[in-house]
Amino acid sequence: MEQAKSDLADRLGLSVEEITVVSSEEVTWRDSALGCPEPGMHYAQVLTDGSRIVLTADGKQYHYHSGGQRAPFLCENPQPPLPTN
């Protein structure tokens, strides 16, 4: 979570203290796109454990996704993970 906060602070030119965590949860993504597919790309169709972190700064929400070996990254067009039962 700290890595995501630090990345967002750097992107926005803010201090880490100005970033608020809205939510952080462990999720299962539908495929290796980790809930953040890019147009024209193909992804392995395997369930992938990861996390979803929602941060807020200056009244706007930012979604960070991770999974597999990938560290949290900013996802500008987030897709939902598999629903939990």
Protein backbone atom coordinates (compact mmCIF):
# COMPACT_ATOMS: atom_id res chain seq x y z
CA MET A 1 0.00 0.00 0.00
CA GLU A 2 2.85 2.39 0.81
CA GLN A 3 4.31 1.78 -2.65
CA ALA A 4 1.01 2.81 -4.27
CA LYS A 5 0.73 5.92 -2.08
CA SER A 6 4.30 6.92 -2.88
CA ASP A 7 3.77 6.43 -6.62
CA LEU A 8 0.60 8.53 -6.61
CA ALA A 9 2.22 11.28 -4.54
CA ASP A 10 5.09 11.44 -7.04
CA ARG A 11 2.70 11.54 -10.01
CA LEU A 12 0.63 14.34 -8.51
CA GLY A 13 3.45 16.30 -6.90
CA LEU A 14 1.93 15.83 -3.44
CA SER A 15 3.25 14.54 -0.15
CA VAL A 16 2.36 10.99 0.88
CA GLU A 17 0.40 12.47 3.80
CA GLU A 18 -2.00 14.09 1.28
CA ILE A 19 -2.98 10.64 -0.08
CA THR A 20 -5.82 8.82 1.69
CA VAL A 21 -6.52 5.08 1.49
CA VAL A 22 -10.19 4.49 0.69
CA SER A 23 -9.92 0.70 0.58
CA SER A 24 -7.44 -2.13 0.23
CA GLU A 25 -8.47 -5.70 -0.43
CA GLU A 26 -7.16 -9.04 -1.62
CA VAL A 27 -8.97 -10.07 -4.82
CA THR A 28 -8.94 -12.66 -7.58
CA TRP A 29 -8.65 -11.20 -11.06
CA ARG A 30 -10.39 -12.87 -14.01
CA ASP A 31 -7.18 -13.03 -16.06
CA SER A 32 -3.60 -11.84 -16.20
CA ALA A 33 -4.72 -8.30 -17.16
CA LEU A 34 -5.25 -7.82 -13.40
CA GLY A 35 -8.46 -5.87 -13.95
CA CYS A 36 -6.70 -3.35 -16.18
CA PRO A 37 -6.80 -4.60 -19.78
CA GLU A 38 -5.16 -2.53 -22.50
CA PRO A 39 -6.72 -2.39 -25.99
CA GLY A 40 -5.11 -4.74 -28.48
CA MET A 41 -3.35 -6.82 -25.83
CA HIS A 42 -3.97 -10.52 -25.18
CA TYR A 43 -3.90 -11.93 -21.65
CA ALA A 44 -3.61 -15.41 -20.20
CA GLN A 45 -7.06 -16.58 -19.17
CA VAL A 46 -6.09 -17.74 -15.70
CA LEU A 47 -7.44 -16.67 -12.34
CA THR A 48 -4.82 -14.47 -10.69
CA ASP A 49 -4.66 -13.60 -7.01
CA GLY A 50 -3.79 -9.99 -6.29
CA SER A 51 -4.97 -6.83 -4.63
CA ARG A 52 -6.94 -3.69 -5.35
CA ILE A 53 -6.12 -0.44 -3.57
CA VAL A 54 -8.28 2.66 -3.93
CA LEU A 55 -6.65 5.95 -3.00
CA THR A 56 -7.97 9.49 -3.01
CA ALA A 57 -6.24 12.83 -3.46
CA ASP A 58 -7.71 16.25 -4.15
CA GLY A 59 -11.21 14.71 -4.23
CA LYS A 60 -10.42 12.19 -6.99
CA GLN A 61 -10.12 8.41 -6.66
CA TYR A 62 -7.22 6.39 -8.07
CA HIS A 63 -7.16 2.60 -8.46
CA TYR A 64 -4.00 0.54 -8.02
CA HIS A 65 -3.99 -3.13 -8.99
CA SER A 66 -1.45 -5.88 -8.43
CA GLY A 67 -1.21 -9.61 -8.89
CA GLY A 68 1.18 -12.46 -9.49
CA GLN A 69 4.68 -10.97 -9.40
CA ARG A 70 3.53 -7.48 -10.45
CA ALA A 71 3.80 -4.64 -7.94
CA PRO A 72 0.86 -2.22 -7.53
CA PHE A 73 0.36 -0.05 -10.60
CA LEU A 74 -2.05 2.78 -11.44
CA CYS A 75 -5.02 1.51 -13.45
CA GLU A 76 -6.85 4.27 -15.29
CA ASN A 77 -9.74 2.11 -16.57
CA PRO A 78 -10.30 -0.42 -13.79
CA GLN A 79 -12.44 -3.53 -14.23
CA PRO A 80 -13.94 -5.36 -11.25
CA PRO A 81 -12.39 -8.54 -9.83
CA LEU A 82 -14.32 -11.76 -9.46
CA PRO A 83 -17.09 -11.43 -6.89
CA THR A 84 -16.46 -13.00 -3.50
CA ASN A 85 -18.95 -15.45 -2.05
